[in-house]
């Protein structure tokens, strides 16, 4: 898993350069800003689902792992 994060982290700058070259600057901006917004939102969803586990799955629902 760490290798995947390292590999994607190394290619981030080249991905921005390719996006600017191939597309308009607006698309390149969306490429950069999108993950910066997406990751915290997904973490918020996971946190809220974890907090509401009993309400979502009931008392006899899925056991915590």
C-alpha atoms as a PDB file:
ATOM      1  CA  UNK A   1       0.000   0.000   0.000  1.00  0.00           C
ATOM      2  CA  UNK A   2       2.823   2.401   0.820  1.00  0.00           C
ATOM      3  CA  UNK A   3       4.398   1.722  -2.560  1.00  0.00           C
ATOM      4  CA  UNK A   4       1.174   2.780  -4.297  1.00  0.00           C
ATOM      5  CA  UNK A   5       1.038   6.044  -2.367  1.00  0.00           C
ATOM      6  CA  UNK A   6       4.706   6.691  -3.070  1.00  0.00           C
ATOM      7  CA  UNK A   7       4.296   5.990  -6.773  1.00  0.00           C
ATOM      8  CA  UNK A   8       1.274   8.260  -7.139  1.00  0.00           C
ATOM      9  CA  UNK A   9       2.927  10.986  -5.088  1.00  0.00           C
ATOM     10  CA  UNK A  10       5.960  11.028  -7.353  1.00  0.00           C
ATOM     11  CA  UNK A  11       3.860  11.404 -10.503  1.00  0.00           C
ATOM     12  CA  UNK A  12       1.608  14.190  -9.205  1.00  0.00           C
ATOM     13  CA  UNK A  13       3.616  17.051 -10.700  1.00  0.00           C
ATOM     14  CA  UNK A  14       3.936  15.411 -14.110  1.00  0.00           C
ATOM     15  CA  UNK A  15       0.187  14.745 -14.104  1.00  0.00           C
ATOM     16  CA  UNK A  16      -0.441  18.460 -13.545  1.00  0.00           C
ATOM     17  CA  UNK A  17       1.929  19.374 -16.367  1.00  0.00           C
ATOM     18  CA  UNK A  18       0.240  16.933 -18.737  1.00  0.00           C
ATOM     19  CA  UNK A  19      -3.211  18.217 -17.765  1.00  0.00           C
ATOM     20  CA  UNK A  20      -2.168  21.828 -18.429  1.00  0.00           C
ATOM     21  CA  UNK A  21      -0.640  20.856 -21.778  1.00  0.00           C
ATOM     22  CA  UNK A  22      -3.474  18.635 -22.974  1.00  0.00           C
ATOM     23  CA  UNK A  23      -6.465  20.546 -21.635  1.00  0.00           C
ATOM     24  CA  UNK A  24      -7.498  24.048 -20.670  1.00  0.00           C
ATOM     25  CA  UNK A  25      -6.203  25.564 -17.424  1.00  0.00           C
ATOM     26  CA  UNK A  26      -9.665  25.101 -15.907  1.00  0.00           C
ATOM     27  CA  UNK A  27      -9.420  21.332 -16.309  1.00  0.00           C
ATOM     28  CA  UNK A  28      -5.933  21.375 -14.825  1.00  0.00           C
ATOM     29  CA  UNK A  29      -7.228  23.357 -11.853  1.00  0.00           C
ATOM     30  CA  UNK A  30     -10.026  20.832 -11.344  1.00  0.00           C
ATOM     31  CA  UNK A  31      -7.451  18.043 -11.484  1.00  0.00           C
ATOM     32  CA  UNK A  32      -5.469  19.648  -8.692  1.00  0.00           C
ATOM     33  CA  UNK A  33      -8.287  20.931  -6.480  1.00  0.00           C
ATOM     34  CA  UNK A  34     -10.588  17.910  -6.926  1.00  0.00           C
ATOM     35  CA  UNK A  35      -8.616  15.473  -4.746  1.00  0.00           C
ATOM     36  CA  UNK A  36      -8.000  18.181  -2.161  1.00  0.00           C
ATOM     37  CA  UNK A  37     -11.773  18.439  -1.684  1.00  0.00           C
ATOM     38  CA  UNK A  38     -12.680  14.803  -2.332  1.00  0.00           C
ATOM     39  CA  UNK A  39     -10.467  13.206   0.314  1.00  0.00           C
ATOM     40  CA  UNK A  40     -11.722  15.226   3.322  1.00  0.00           C
ATOM     41  CA  UNK A  41     -15.350  14.770   2.193  1.00  0.00           C
ATOM     42  CA  UNK A  42     -14.909  10.994   1.935  1.00  0.00           C
ATOM     43  CA  UNK A  43     -13.261  10.930   5.371  1.00  0.00           C
ATOM     44  CA  UNK A  44     -16.229  12.858   6.752  1.00  0.00           C
ATOM     45  CA  UNK A  45     -18.614  10.284   5.243  1.00  0.00           C
ATOM     46  CA  UNK A  46     -16.669   7.408   6.781  1.00  0.00           C
ATOM     47  CA  UNK A  47     -16.519   9.136  10.165  1.00  0.00           C
ATOM     48  CA  UNK A  48     -20.256   9.859  10.173  1.00  0.00           C
ATOM     49  CA  UNK A  49     -21.156   6.312   9.069  1.00  0.00           C
ATOM     50  CA  UNK A  50     -18.975   4.941  11.861  1.00  0.00           C
ATOM     51  CA  UNK A  51     -20.667   7.180  14.421  1.00  0.00           C
ATOM     52  CA  UNK A  52     -24.161   6.204  13.197  1.00  0.00           C
ATOM     53  CA  UNK A  53     -23.397   2.472  12.965  1.00  0.00           C
ATOM     54  CA  UNK A  54     -26.046   1.433  15.517  1.00  0.00           C
ATOM     55  CA  UNK A  55     -28.724   3.515  13.819  1.00  0.00           C
ATOM     56  CA  UNK A  56     -27.836   2.271  10.358  1.00  0.00           C
ATOM     57  CA  UNK A  57     -27.392  -1.425  11.100  1.00  0.00           C
ATOM     58  CA  UNK A  58     -29.344  -1.926  14.331  1.00  0.00           C
ATOM     59  CA  UNK A  59     -28.168  -3.389  17.608  1.00  0.00           C
ATOM     60  CA  UNK A  60     -27.756  -6.887  16.146  1.00  0.00           C
ATOM     61  CA  UNK A  61     -26.163  -5.614  12.961  1.00  0.00           C
ATOM     62  CA  UNK A  62     -22.633  -5.899  11.735  1.00  0.00           C
ATOM     63  CA  UNK A  63     -20.050  -6.472  14.440  1.00  0.00           C
ATOM     64  CA  UNK A  64     -17.253  -3.907  14.689  1.00  0.00           C
ATOM     65  CA  UNK A  65     -13.951  -5.036  13.245  1.00  0.00           C
END
